[in-house]
Amino acid sequence: AVWNGDDWGIELVDREGDVGLYTSLAIDGQDFSHISYYDATNGVLKYARQDEDGWQIEVVDDDGDVGQYSSLALHGRYPTIAYYDSWRHDLKAARLPFLPTDYQYLPSIRTKGVD
């Protein structure tokens, strides 16, 4: 829902099943909305982002029953989402995109006689 100064504009973002629980909202520098939320029908964490074409929805994590109590933060237009994994009883975090500092570089190993 968005207040335009006179009344509320209400927009349906996702209608697939029992969705929209444990939401977290962030607005980026271009006034586009980003929402993380729990899909109770499928037990997954979803992320919806608004752009010029409307709403783009994707599943962030579907490994077990995950996504409750989500908390979303933006770094520019890139989201980081903290959430609860009720299957493993863990706190998890997901970030997009992967940054060069996210990778572990292992030393290369060469075996003699193998090209």
PDB file of N, CA and C in Angstrom:
ATOM      1  N   ALA A   1       0.845  -1.180   0.000  1.00  0.00           N
ATOM      2  CA  ALA A   1       0.000   0.000   0.000  1.00  0.00           C
ATOM      3  C   ALA A   1       0.888   1.240   0.000  1.00  0.00           C
ATOM      4  N   VAL A   2       0.511   2.222  -0.809  1.00  0.00           N
ATOM      5  CA  VAL A   2       1.276   3.467  -0.907  1.00  0.00           C
ATOM      6  C   VAL A   2       0.325   4.640  -0.737  1.00  0.00           C
ATOM      7  N   TRP A   3       0.668   5.563   0.133  1.00  0.00           N
ATOM      8  CA  TRP A   3      -0.107   6.771   0.349  1.00  0.00           C
ATOM      9  C   TRP A   3       0.349   7.823  -0.648  1.00  0.00           C
ATOM     10  N   ASN A   4      -0.539   8.358  -1.465  1.00  0.00           N
ATOM     11  CA  ASN A   4      -0.165   9.345  -2.472  1.00  0.00           C
ATOM     12  C   ASN A   4      -0.484  10.779  -2.050  1.00  0.00           C
ATOM     13  N   GLY A   5      -0.910  10.967  -0.818  1.00  0.00           N
ATOM     14  CA  GLY A   5      -1.249  12.293  -0.315  1.00  0.00           C
ATOM     15  C   GLY A   5      -2.747  12.490  -0.171  1.00  0.00           C
ATOM     16  N   ASP A   6      -3.517  11.730  -0.943  1.00  0.00           N
ATOM     17  CA  ASP A   6      -4.977  11.816  -0.871  1.00  0.00           C
ATOM     18  C   ASP A   6      -5.617  10.506  -0.406  1.00  0.00           C
ATOM     19  N   ASP A   7      -5.092   9.392  -0.899  1.00  0.00           N
ATOM     20  CA  ASP A   7      -5.636   8.096  -0.500  1.00  0.00           C
ATOM     21  C   ASP A   7      -4.578   7.006  -0.682  1.00  0.00           C
ATOM     22  N   TRP A   8      -4.947   5.784  -0.304  1.00  0.00           N
ATOM     23  CA  TRP A   8      -4.029   4.658  -0.373  1.00  0.00           C
ATOM     24  C   TRP A   8      -4.180   3.932  -1.692  1.00  0.00           C
ATOM     25  N   GLY A   9      -3.077   3.667  -2.345  1.00  0.00           N
ATOM     26  CA  GLY A   9      -3.044   2.809  -3.524  1.00  0.00           C
ATOM     27  C   GLY A   9      -2.593   1.428  -3.086  1.00  0.00           C
ATOM     28  N   ILE A  10      -3.416   0.431  -3.330  1.00  0.00           N
ATOM     29  CA  ILE A  10      -3.112  -0.927  -2.882  1.00  0.00           C
ATOM     30  C   ILE A  10      -2.834  -1.801  -4.099  1.00  0.00           C
ATOM     31  N   GLU A  11      -1.735  -2.539  -4.021  1.00  0.00           N
ATOM     32  CA  GLU A  11      -1.294  -3.373  -5.128  1.00  0.00           C
ATOM     33  C   GLU A  11      -1.044  -4.792  -4.625  1.00  0.00           C
ATOM     34  N   LEU A  12      -1.509  -5.790  -5.353  1.00  0.00           N
ATOM     35  CA  LEU A  12      -1.271  -7.184  -5.021  1.00  0.00           C
ATOM     36  C   LEU A  12       0.075  -7.600  -5.600  1.00  0.00           C
ATOM     37  N   VAL A  13       0.969  -8.094  -4.745  1.00  0.00           N
ATOM     38  CA  VAL A  13       2.319  -8.445  -5.175  1.00  0.00           C
ATOM     39  C   VAL A  13       2.420  -9.924  -5.532  1.00  0.00           C
ATOM     40  N   ASP A  14       1.914 -10.809  -4.677  1.00  0.00           N
ATOM     41  CA  ASP A  14       2.011 -12.253  -4.879  1.00  0.00           C
ATOM     42  C   ASP A  14       0.714 -12.889  -4.405  1.00  0.00           C
ATOM     43  N   ARG A  15       0.143 -13.757  -5.206  1.00  0.00           N
ATOM     44  CA  ARG A  15      -1.131 -14.384  -4.842  1.00  0.00           C
ATOM     45  C   ARG A  15      -1.057 -15.898  -4.847  1.00  0.00           C
ATOM     46  N   GLU A  16       0.131 -16.463  -4.960  1.00  0.00           N
ATOM     47  CA  GLU A  16       0.299 -17.912  -5.064  1.00  0.00           C
ATOM     48  C   GLU A  16       0.318 -18.569  -3.695  1.00  0.00           C
ATOM     49  N   GLY A  17      -0.825 -19.022  -3.207  1.00  0.00           N
ATOM     50  CA  GLY A  17      -0.905 -19.732  -1.933  1.00  0.00           C
ATOM     51  C   GLY A  17      -0.997 -18.783  -0.755  1.00  0.00           C
ATOM     52  N   ASP A  18      -0.564 -19.287   0.397  1.00  0.00           N
ATOM     53  CA  ASP A  18      -0.587 -18.528   1.651  1.00  0.00           C
ATOM     54  C   ASP A  18       0.753 -17.804   1.779  1.00  0.00           C
ATOM     55  N   VAL A  19       0.835 -16.614   1.210  1.00  0.00           N
ATOM     56  CA  VAL A  19       2.102 -15.872   1.136  1.00  0.00           C
ATOM     57  C   VAL A  19       1.983 -14.527   1.842  1.00  0.00           C
ATOM     58  N   GLY A  20       3.140 -13.946   2.159  1.00  0.00           N
ATOM     59  CA  GLY A  20       3.164 -12.605   2.718  1.00  0.00           C
ATOM     60  C   GLY A  20       3.334 -12.551   4.219  1.00  0.00           C
ATOM     61  N   LEU A  21       3.692 -13.646   4.824  1.00  0.00           N
ATOM     62  CA  LEU A  21       3.901 -13.655   6.269  1.00  0.00           C
ATOM     63  C   LEU A  21       5.326 -13.192   6.587  1.00  0.00           C
ATOM     64  N   TYR A  22       5.512 -12.605   7.751  1.00  0.00           N
ATOM     65  CA  TYR A  22       6.830 -12.177   8.235  1.00  0.00           C
ATOM     66  C   TYR A  22       7.548 -11.287   7.222  1.00  0.00           C
ATOM     67  N   THR A  23       6.878 -10.260   6.769  1.00  0.00           N
ATOM     68  CA  THR A  23       7.429  -9.397   5.728  1.00  0.00           C
ATOM     69  C   THR A  23       8.431  -8.392   6.273  1.00  0.00           C
ATOM     70  N   SER A  24       9.298  -7.959   5.378  1.00  0.00           N
ATOM     71  CA  SER A  24      10.213  -6.857   5.647  1.00  0.00           C
ATOM     72  C   SER A  24      10.308  -6.040   4.372  1.00  0.00           C
ATOM     73  N   LEU A  25      10.250  -4.725   4.504  1.00  0.00           N
ATOM     74  CA  LEU A  25      10.188  -3.820   3.360  1.00  0.00           C
ATOM     75  C   LEU A  25      11.359  -2.852   3.378  1.00  0.00           C
ATOM     76  N   ALA A  26      11.928  -2.606   2.207  1.00  0.00           N
ATOM     77  CA  ALA A  26      12.961  -1.578   2.049  1.00  0.00           C
ATOM     78  C   ALA A  26      12.684  -0.845   0.742  1.00  0.00           C
ATOM     79  N   ILE A  27      12.996   0.445   0.723  1.00  0.00           N
ATOM     80  CA  ILE A  27      12.819   1.277  -0.461  1.00  0.00           C
ATOM     81  C   ILE A  27      14.206   1.694  -0.938  1.00  0.00           C
ATOM     82  N   ASP A  28      14.485   1.499  -2.233  1.00  0.00           N
ATOM     83  CA  ASP A  28      15.802   1.867  -2.749  1.00  0.00           C
ATOM     84  C   ASP A  28      15.845   3.338  -3.160  1.00  0.00           C
ATOM     85  N   GLY A  29      16.980   3.792  -3.651  1.00  0.00           N
ATOM     86  CA  GLY A  29      17.188   5.193  -4.022  1.00  0.00           C
ATOM     87  C   GLY A  29      16.348   5.671  -5.183  1.00  0.00           C
ATOM     88  N   GLN A  30      15.743   4.740  -5.940  1.00  0.00           N
ATOM     89  CA  GLN A  30      14.866   5.111  -7.053  1.00  0.00           C
ATOM     90  C   GLN A  30      13.393   4.973  -6.665  1.00  0.00           C
ATOM     91  N   ASP A  31      13.128   4.848  -5.366  1.00  0.00           N
ATOM     92  CA  ASP A  31      11.782   4.690  -4.811  1.00  0.00           C
ATOM     93  C   ASP A  31      11.086   3.402  -5.229  1.00  0.00           C
ATOM     94  N   PHE A  32      11.849   2.366  -5.551  1.00  0.00           N
ATOM     95  CA  PHE A  32      11.274   1.054  -5.807  1.00  0.00           C
ATOM     96  C   PHE A  32      11.256   0.254  -4.510  1.00  0.00           C
ATOM     97  N   SER A  33      10.201  -0.530  -4.336  1.00  0.00           N
ATOM     98  CA  SER A  33      10.037  -1.338  -3.125  1.00  0.00           C
ATOM     99  C   SER A  33      10.700  -2.703  -3.290  1.00  0.00           C
ATOM    100  N   HIS A  34      11.210  -3.214  -2.177  1.00  0.00           N
ATOM    101  CA  HIS A  34      11.790  -4.548  -2.083  1.00  0.00           C
ATOM    102  C   HIS A  34      11.178  -5.201  -0.852  1.00  0.00           C
ATOM    103  N   ILE A  35      10.695  -6.439  -0.977  1.00  0.00           N
ATOM    104  CA  ILE A  35      10.021  -7.112   0.122  1.00  0.00           C
ATOM    105  C   ILE A  35      10.548  -8.535   0.255  1.00  0.00           C
ATOM    106  N   SER A  36      10.926  -8.916   1.461  1.00  0.00           N
ATOM    107  CA  SER A  36      11.207 -10.322   1.747  1.00  0.00           C
ATOM    108  C   SER A  36      10.021 -10.837   2.551  1.00  0.00           C
ATOM    109  N   TYR A  37       9.661 -12.112   2.322  1.00  0.00           N
ATOM    110  CA  TYR A  37       8.490 -12.656   3.019  1.00  0.00           C
ATOM    111  C   TYR A  37       8.493 -14.176   2.971  1.00  0.00           C
ATOM    112  N   TYR A  38       7.674 -14.740   3.846  1.00  0.00           N
ATOM    113  CA  TYR A  38       7.548 -16.183   3.999  1.00  0.00           C
ATOM    114  C   TYR A  38       6.350 -16.685   3.210  1.00  0.00           C
ATOM    115  N   ASP A  39       6.558 -17.736   2.428  1.00  0.00           N
ATOM    116  CA  ASP A  39       5.504 -18.440   1.705  1.00  0.00           C
ATOM    117  C   ASP A  39       5.167 -19.673   2.532  1.00  0.00           C
ATOM    118  N   ALA A  40       4.073 -19.613   3.307  1.00  0.00           N
ATOM    119  CA  ALA A  40       3.708 -20.697   4.215  1.00  0.00           C
ATOM    120  C   ALA A  40       3.219 -21.935   3.472  1.00  0.00           C
ATOM    121  N   THR A  41       2.663 -21.759   2.288  1.00  0.00           N
ATOM    122  CA  THR A  41       2.196 -22.905   1.504  1.00  0.00           C
ATOM    123  C   THR A  41       3.362 -23.828   1.152  1.00  0.00           C
ATOM    124  N   ASN A  42       4.466 -23.251   0.747  1.00  0.00           N
ATOM    125  CA  ASN A  42       5.633 -24.021   0.306  1.00  0.00           C
ATOM    126  C   ASN A  42       6.769 -24.052   1.316  1.00  0.00           C
ATOM    127  N   GLY A  43       6.676 -23.283   2.408  1.00  0.00           N
ATOM    128  CA  GLY A  43       7.734 -23.243   3.418  1.00  0.00           C
ATOM    129  C   GLY A  43       9.022 -22.672   2.894  1.00  0.00           C
ATOM    130  N   VAL A  44       8.933 -21.575   2.084  1.00  0.00           N
ATOM    131  CA  VAL A  44      10.119 -20.996   1.464  1.00  0.00           C
ATOM    132  C   VAL A  44      10.204 -19.493   1.722  1.00  0.00           C
ATOM    133  N   LEU A  45      11.419 -18.963   1.600  1.00  0.00           N
ATOM    134  CA  LEU A  45      11.656 -17.529   1.671  1.00  0.00           C
ATOM    135  C   LEU A  45      11.574 -16.959   0.267  1.00  0.00           C
ATOM    136  N   LYS A  46      10.764 -15.915   0.097  1.00  0.00           N
ATOM    137  CA  LYS A  46      10.639 -15.257  -1.200  1.00  0.00           C
ATOM    138  C   LYS A  46      11.097 -13.805  -1.100  1.00  0.00           C
ATOM    139  N   TYR A  47      11.450 -13.274  -2.269  1.00  0.00           N
ATOM    140  CA  TYR A  47      11.898 -11.888  -2.389  1.00  0.00           C
ATOM    141  C   TYR A  47      11.191 -11.280  -3.595  1.00  0.00           C
ATOM    142  N   ALA A  48      10.529 -10.159  -3.390  1.00  0.00           N
ATOM    143  CA  ALA A  48       9.863  -9.434  -4.473  1.00  0.00           C
ATOM    144  C   ALA A  48      10.518  -8.072  -4.594  1.00  0.00           C
ATOM    145  N   ARG A  49      10.838  -7.705  -5.832  1.00  0.00           N
ATOM    146  CA  ARG A  49      11.398  -6.376  -6.066  1.00  0.00           C
ATOM    147  C   ARG A  49      10.598  -5.706  -7.172  1.00  0.00           C
ATOM    148  N   GLN A  50      10.410  -4.439  -6.997  1.00  0.00           N
ATOM    149  CA  GLN A  50       9.672  -3.644  -7.969  1.00  0.00           C
ATOM    150  C   GLN A  50      10.662  -2.972  -8.905  1.00  0.00           C
ATOM    151  N   ASP A  51      10.324  -2.945 -10.196  1.00  0.00           N
ATOM    152  CA  ASP A  51      11.119  -2.196 -11.167  1.00  0.00           C
ATOM    153  C   ASP A  51      10.177  -1.583 -12.199  1.00  0.00           C
ATOM    154  N   GLU A  52      10.747  -1.079 -13.282  1.00  0.00           N
ATOM    155  CA  GLU A  52       9.942  -0.414 -14.307  1.00  0.00           C
ATOM    156  C   GLU A  52       8.880  -1.324 -14.911  1.00  0.00           C
ATOM    157  N   ASP A  53       9.116  -2.640 -14.880  1.00  0.00           N
ATOM    158  CA  ASP A  53       8.202  -3.609 -15.481  1.00  0.00           C
ATOM    159  C   ASP A  53       7.176  -4.171 -14.495  1.00  0.00           C
ATOM    160  N   GLY A  54       7.216  -3.739 -13.254  1.00  0.00           N
ATOM    161  CA  GLY A  54       6.291  -4.264 -12.245  1.00  0.00           C
ATOM    162  C   GLY A  54       7.040  -5.019 -11.160  1.00  0.00           C
ATOM    163  N   TRP A  55       6.447  -6.110 -10.692  1.00  0.00           N
ATOM    164  CA  TRP A  55       7.026  -6.894  -9.607  1.00  0.00           C
ATOM    165  C   TRP A  55       7.728  -8.128 -10.146  1.00  0.00           C
ATOM    166  N   GLN A  56       8.941  -8.360  -9.659  1.00  0.00           N
ATOM    167  CA  GLN A  56       9.729  -9.551  -9.980  1.00  0.00           C
ATOM    168  C   GLN A  56       9.829 -10.356  -8.688  1.00  0.00           C
ATOM    169  N   ILE A  57       9.426 -11.619  -8.736  1.00  0.00           N
ATOM    170  CA  ILE A  57       9.390 -12.467  -7.537  1.00  0.00           C
ATOM    171  C   ILE A  57      10.308 -13.654  -7.744  1.00  0.00           C
ATOM    172  N   GLU A  58      11.087 -13.978  -6.710  1.00  0.00           N
ATOM    173  CA  GLU A  58      11.933 -15.156  -6.785  1.00  0.00           C
ATOM    174  C   GLU A  58      11.999 -15.848  -5.432  1.00  0.00           C
ATOM    175  N   VAL A  59      12.254 -17.137  -5.472  1.00  0.00           N
ATOM    176  CA  VAL A  59      12.477 -17.921  -4.264  1.00  0.00           C
ATOM    177  C   VAL A  59      13.944 -17.774  -3.888  1.00  0.00           C
ATOM    178  N   VAL A  60      14.202 -17.367  -2.660  1.00  0.00           N
ATOM    179  CA  VAL A  60      15.578 -17.183  -2.181  1.00  0.00           C
ATOM    180  C   VAL A  60      16.115 -18.485  -1.601  1.00  0.00           C
ATOM    181  N   ASP A  61      15.307 -19.146  -0.775  1.00  0.00           N
ATOM    182  CA  ASP A  61      15.733 -20.385  -0.117  1.00  0.00           C
ATOM    183  C   ASP A  61      14.528 -21.306  -0.018  1.00  0.00           C
ATOM    184  N   ASP A  62      14.719 -22.557  -0.430  1.00  0.00           N
ATOM    185  CA  ASP A  62      13.642 -23.544  -0.355  1.00  0.00           C
ATOM    186  C   ASP A  62      14.125 -24.855   0.259  1.00  0.00           C
ATOM    187  N   ASP A  63      15.197 -24.792   1.044  1.00  0.00           N
ATOM    188  CA  ASP A  63      15.793 -25.978   1.652  1.00  0.00           C
ATOM    189  C   ASP A  63      15.219 -26.198   3.046  1.00  0.00           C
ATOM    190  N   GLY A  64      14.114 -26.922   3.135  1.00  0.00           N
ATOM    191  CA  GLY A  64      13.447 -27.145   4.415  1.00  0.00           C
ATOM    192  C   GLY A  64      12.307 -26.163   4.591  1.00  0.00           C
ATOM    193  N   ASP A  65      11.962 -25.872   5.812  1.00  0.00           N
ATOM    194  CA  ASP A  65      10.934 -24.874   6.123  1.00  0.00           C
ATOM    195  C   ASP A  65      11.661 -23.607   6.545  1.00  0.00           C
ATOM    196  N   VAL A  66      11.843 -22.684   5.609  1.00  0.00           N
ATOM    197  CA  VAL A  66      12.696 -21.513   5.831  1.00  0.00           C
ATOM    198  C   VAL A  66      11.975 -20.223   5.466  1.00  0.00           C
ATOM    199  N   GLY A  67      12.397 -19.113   6.062  1.00  0.00           N
ATOM    200  CA  GLY A  67      11.917 -17.803   5.657  1.00  0.00           C
ATOM    201  C   GLY A  67      11.113 -17.049   6.688  1.00  0.00           C
ATOM    202  N   GLN A  68      10.871 -17.657   7.823  1.00  0.00           N
ATOM    203  CA  GLN A  68      10.106 -16.945   8.840  1.00  0.00           C
ATOM    204  C   GLN A  68      10.938 -15.820   9.447  1.00  0.00           C
ATOM    205  N   TYR A  69      10.254 -14.780   9.890  1.00  0.00           N
ATOM    206  CA  TYR A  69      10.862 -13.643  10.594  1.00  0.00           C
ATOM    207  C   TYR A  69      11.944 -12.950   9.751  1.00  0.00           C
ATOM    208  N   SER A  70      11.690 -12.744   8.479  1.00  0.00           N
ATOM    209  CA  SER A  70      12.711 -12.159   7.608  1.00  0.00           C
ATOM    210  C   SER A  70      12.947 -10.687   7.939  1.00  0.00           C
ATOM    211  N   SER A  71      14.180 -10.272   7.710  1.00  0.00           N
ATOM    212  CA  SER A  71      14.588  -8.885   7.878  1.00  0.00           C
ATOM    213  C   SER A  71      15.455  -8.519   6.674  1.00  0.00           C
ATOM    214  N   LEU A  72      15.036  -7.490   5.934  1.00  0.00           N
ATOM    215  CA  LEU A  72      15.659  -7.121   4.675  1.00  0.00           C
ATOM    216  C   LEU A  72      16.401  -5.798   4.808  1.00  0.00           C
ATOM    217  N   ALA A  73      17.597  -5.749   4.259  1.00  0.00           N
ATOM    218  CA  ALA A  73      18.363  -4.504   4.162  1.00  0.00           C
ATOM    219  C   ALA A  73      18.897  -4.402   2.744  1.00  0.00           C
ATOM    220  N   LEU A  74      19.021  -3.177   2.249  1.00  0.00           N
ATOM    221  CA  LEU A  74      19.557  -2.957   0.909  1.00  0.00           C
ATOM    222  C   LEU A  74      20.919  -2.294   0.991  1.00  0.00           C
ATOM    223  N   HIS A  75      21.784  -2.708   0.094  1.00  0.00           N
ATOM    224  CA  HIS A  75      23.088  -2.079  -0.103  1.00  0.00           C
ATOM    225  C   HIS A  75      23.049  -1.608  -1.552  1.00  0.00           C
ATOM    226  N   GLY A  76      22.664  -0.347  -1.749  1.00  0.00           N
ATOM    227  CA  GLY A  76      22.317   0.112  -3.087  1.00  0.00           C
ATOM    228  C   GLY A  76      20.985  -0.525  -3.439  1.00  0.00           C
ATOM    229  N   ARG A  77      20.958  -1.307  -4.506  1.00  0.00           N
ATOM    230  CA  ARG A  77      19.739  -2.069  -4.849  1.00  0.00           C
ATOM    231  C   ARG A  77      19.907  -3.551  -4.564  1.00  0.00           C
ATOM    232  N   TYR A  78      20.997  -3.936  -3.880  1.00  0.00           N
ATOM    233  CA  TYR A  78      21.264  -5.339  -3.620  1.00  0.00           C
ATOM    234  C   TYR A  78      20.784  -5.718  -2.218  1.00  0.00           C
ATOM    235  N   PRO A  79      19.965  -6.775  -2.129  1.00  0.00           N
ATOM    236  CA  PRO A  79      19.389  -7.152  -0.841  1.00  0.00           C
ATOM    237  C   PRO A  79      20.263  -8.094  -0.027  1.00  0.00           C
ATOM    238  N   THR A  80      20.151  -7.961   1.281  1.00  0.00           N
ATOM    239  CA  THR A  80      20.620  -8.956   2.230  1.00  0.00           C
ATOM    240  C   THR A  80      19.426  -9.268   3.119  1.00  0.00           C
ATOM    241  N   ILE A  81      19.144 -10.551   3.298  1.00  0.00           N
ATOM    242  CA  ILE A  81      17.975 -10.967   4.060  1.00  0.00           C
ATOM    243  C   ILE A  81      18.418 -11.913   5.163  1.00  0.00           C
ATOM    244  N   ALA A  82      18.064 -11.586   6.402  1.00  0.00           N
ATOM    245  CA  ALA A  82      18.250 -12.491   7.533  1.00  0.00           C
ATOM    246  C   ALA A  82      16.898 -13.145   7.806  1.00  0.00           C
ATOM    247  N   TYR A  83      16.915 -14.440   8.160  1.00  0.00           N
ATOM    248  CA  TYR A  83      15.662 -15.167   8.350  1.00  0.00           C
ATOM    249  C   TYR A  83      15.894 -16.433   9.171  1.00  0.00           C
ATOM    250  N   TYR A  84      14.805 -17.027   9.593  1.00  0.00           N
ATOM    251  CA  TYR A  84      14.846 -18.199  10.454  1.00  0.00           C
ATOM    252  C   TYR A  84      14.608 -19.470   9.642  1.00  0.00           C
ATOM    253  N   ASP A  85      15.423 -20.483   9.889  1.00  0.00           N
ATOM    254  CA  ASP A  85      15.257 -21.816   9.311  1.00  0.00           C
ATOM    255  C   ASP A  85      14.649 -22.689  10.402  1.00  0.00           C
ATOM    256  N   SER A  86      13.329 -22.890  10.355  1.00  0.00           N
ATOM    257  CA  SER A  86      12.666 -23.627  11.429  1.00  0.00           C
ATOM    258  C   SER A  86      12.915 -25.130  11.343  1.00  0.00           C
ATOM    259  N   TRP A  87      13.352 -25.613  10.204  1.00  0.00           N
ATOM    260  CA  TRP A  87      13.670 -27.028  10.058  1.00  0.00           C
ATOM    261  C   TRP A  87      14.951 -27.371  10.817  1.00  0.00           C
ATOM    262  N   ARG A  88      15.956 -26.501  10.709  1.00  0.00           N
ATOM    263  CA  ARG A  88      17.245 -26.727  11.380  1.00  0.00           C
ATOM    264  C   ARG A  88      17.402 -25.909  12.661  1.00  0.00           C
ATOM    265  N   HIS A  89      16.453 -25.014  12.924  1.00  0.00           N
ATOM    266  CA  HIS A  89      16.500 -24.118  14.081  1.00  0.00           C
ATOM    267  C   HIS A  89      17.741 -23.226  14.029  1.00  0.00           C
ATOM    268  N   ASP A  90      17.958 -22.603  12.872  1.00  0.00           N
ATOM    269  CA  ASP A  90      19.129 -21.763  12.647  1.00  0.00           C
ATOM    270  C   ASP A  90      18.713 -20.385  12.136  1.00  0.00           C
ATOM    271  N   LEU A  91      19.562 -19.420  12.394  1.00  0.00           N
ATOM    272  CA  LEU A  91      19.463 -18.102  11.773  1.00  0.00           C
ATOM    273  C   LEU A  91      20.293 -18.156  10.496  1.00  0.00           C
ATOM    274  N   LYS A  92      19.703 -17.705   9.378  1.00  0.00           N
ATOM    275  CA  LYS A  92      20.409 -17.730   8.103  1.00  0.00           C
ATOM    276  C   LYS A  92      20.408 -16.335   7.497  1.00  0.00           C
ATOM    277  N   ALA A  93      21.308 -16.118   6.546  1.00  0.00           N
ATOM    278  CA  ALA A  93      21.358 -14.861   5.811  1.00  0.00           C
ATOM    279  C   ALA A  93      21.642 -15.169   4.351  1.00  0.00           C
ATOM    280  N   ALA A  94      20.987 -14.432   3.478  1.00  0.00           N
ATOM    281  CA  ALA A  94      21.205 -14.560   2.035  1.00  0.00           C
ATOM    282  C   ALA A  94      21.541 -13.188   1.488  1.00  0.00           C
ATOM    283  N   ARG A  95      22.470 -13.157   0.534  1.00  0.00           N
ATOM    284  CA  ARG A  95      22.881 -11.879  -0.035  1.00  0.00           C
ATOM    285  C   ARG A  95      23.012 -12.011  -1.546  1.00  0.00           C
ATOM    286  N   LEU A  96      22.612 -10.979  -2.242  1.00  0.00           N
ATOM    287  CA  LEU A  96      22.732 -10.921  -3.692  1.00  0.00           C
ATOM    288  C   LEU A  96      23.299  -9.557  -4.053  1.00  0.00           C
ATOM    289  N   PRO A  97      24.235  -9.437  -4.953  1.00  0.00           N
ATOM    290  CA  PRO A  97      24.950 -10.512  -5.626  1.00  0.00           C
ATOM    291  C   PRO A  97      26.108 -10.975  -4.763  1.00  0.00           C
ATOM    292  N   PHE A  98      26.748 -12.066  -5.169  1.00  0.00           N
ATOM    293  CA  PHE A  98      27.970 -12.474  -4.508  1.00  0.00           C
ATOM    294  C   PHE A  98      29.055 -11.476  -4.862  1.00  0.00           C
ATOM    295  N   LEU A  99      29.797 -11.079  -3.899  1.00  0.00           N
ATOM    296  CA  LEU A  99      30.889 -10.125  -4.104  1.00  0.00           C
ATOM    297  C   LEU A  99      32.207 -10.877  -4.162  1.00  0.00           C
ATOM    298  N   PRO A 100      33.245 -10.303  -4.743  1.00  0.00           N
ATOM    299  CA  PRO A 100      34.540 -10.995  -4.800  1.00  0.00           C
ATOM    300  C   PRO A 100      35.030 -11.448  -3.432  1.00  0.00           C
ATOM    301  N   THR A 101      34.681 -10.743  -2.380  1.00  0.00           N
ATOM    302  CA  THR A 101      35.117 -11.131  -1.032  1.00  0.00           C
ATOM    303  C   THR A 101      34.342 -12.326  -0.507  1.00  0.00           C
ATOM    304  N   ASP A 102      33.256 -12.747  -1.197  1.00  0.00           N
ATOM    305  CA  ASP A 102      32.475 -13.889  -0.757  1.00  0.00           C
ATOM    306  C   ASP A 102      33.100 -15.221  -1.159  1.00  0.00           C
ATOM    307  N   TYR A 103      34.024 -15.192  -2.085  1.00  0.00           N
ATOM    308  CA  TYR A 103      34.603 -16.424  -2.592  1.00  0.00           C
ATOM    309  C   TYR A 103      35.855 -16.775  -1.803  1.00  0.00           C
ATOM    310  N   GLN A 104      36.077 -18.071  -1.667  1.00  0.00           N
ATOM    311  CA  GLN A 104      37.313 -18.540  -1.065  1.00  0.00           C
ATOM    312  C   GLN A 104      38.205 -19.032  -2.189  1.00  0.00           C
ATOM    313  N   TYR A 105      39.397 -18.508  -2.256  1.00  0.00           N
ATOM    314  CA  TYR A 105      40.339 -18.917  -3.291  1.00  0.00           C
ATOM    315  C   TYR A 105      41.309 -19.921  -2.687  1.00  0.00           C
ATOM    316  N   LEU A 106      41.330 -21.099  -3.273  1.00  0.00           N
ATOM    317  CA  LEU A 106      42.206 -22.150  -2.786  1.00  0.00           C
ATOM    318  C   LEU A 106      43.457 -22.184  -3.650  1.00  0.00           C
ATOM    319  N   PRO A 107      44.584 -22.606  -3.099  1.00  0.00           N
ATOM    320  CA  PRO A 107      45.795 -22.677  -3.921  1.00  0.00           C
ATOM    321  C   PRO A 107      45.618 -23.746  -5.001  1.00  0.00           C
ATOM    322  N   SER A 108      46.158 -23.483  -6.183  1.00  0.00           N
ATOM    323  CA  SER A 108      46.062 -24.495  -7.239  1.00  0.00           C
ATOM    324  C   SER A 108      47.128 -25.560  -6.981  1.00  0.00           C
ATOM    325  N   ILE A 109      46.754 -26.776  -7.258  1.00  0.00           N
ATOM    326  CA  ILE A 109      47.667 -27.913  -7.052  1.00  0.00           C
ATOM    327  C   ILE A 109      47.900 -28.566  -8.399  1.00  0.00           C
ATOM    328  N   ARG A 110      49.144 -28.732  -8.755  1.00  0.00           N
ATOM    329  CA  ARG A 110      49.472 -29.380 -10.022  1.00  0.00           C
ATOM    330  C   ARG A 110      50.163 -30.685  -9.716  1.00  0.00           C
ATOM    331  N   THR A 111      49.813 -31.688 -10.467  1.00  0.00           N
ATOM    332  CA  THR A 111      50.413 -32.996 -10.319  1.00  0.00           C
ATOM    333  C   THR A 111      51.393 -33.195 -11.459  1.00  0.00           C
ATOM    334  N   LYS A 112      52.558 -33.671 -11.162  1.00  0.00           N
ATOM    335  CA  LYS A 112      53.588 -33.875 -12.182  1.00  0.00           C
ATOM    336  C   LYS A 112      53.107 -34.873 -13.217  1.00  0.00           C
ATOM    337  N   GLY A 113      53.284 -34.529 -14.477  1.00  0.00           N
ATOM    338  CA  GLY A 113      52.931 -35.420 -15.559  1.00  0.00           C
ATOM    339  C   GLY A 113      51.477 -35.292 -16.018  1.00  0.00           C
ATOM    340  N   VAL A 114      50.700 -34.427 -15.374  1.00  0.00           N
ATOM    341  CA  VAL A 114      49.303 -34.249 -15.762  1.00  0.00           C
ATOM    342  C   VAL A 114      49.168 -32.864 -16.351  1.00  0.00           C
ATOM    343  N   ASP A 115      48.641 -32.784 -17.575  1.00  0.00           N
ATOM    344  CA  ASP A 115      48.449 -31.481 -18.224  1.00  0.00           C
ATOM    345  C   ASP A 115      47.023 -31.045 -18.108  1.00  0.00           C
TER     346      ASP A 115
END
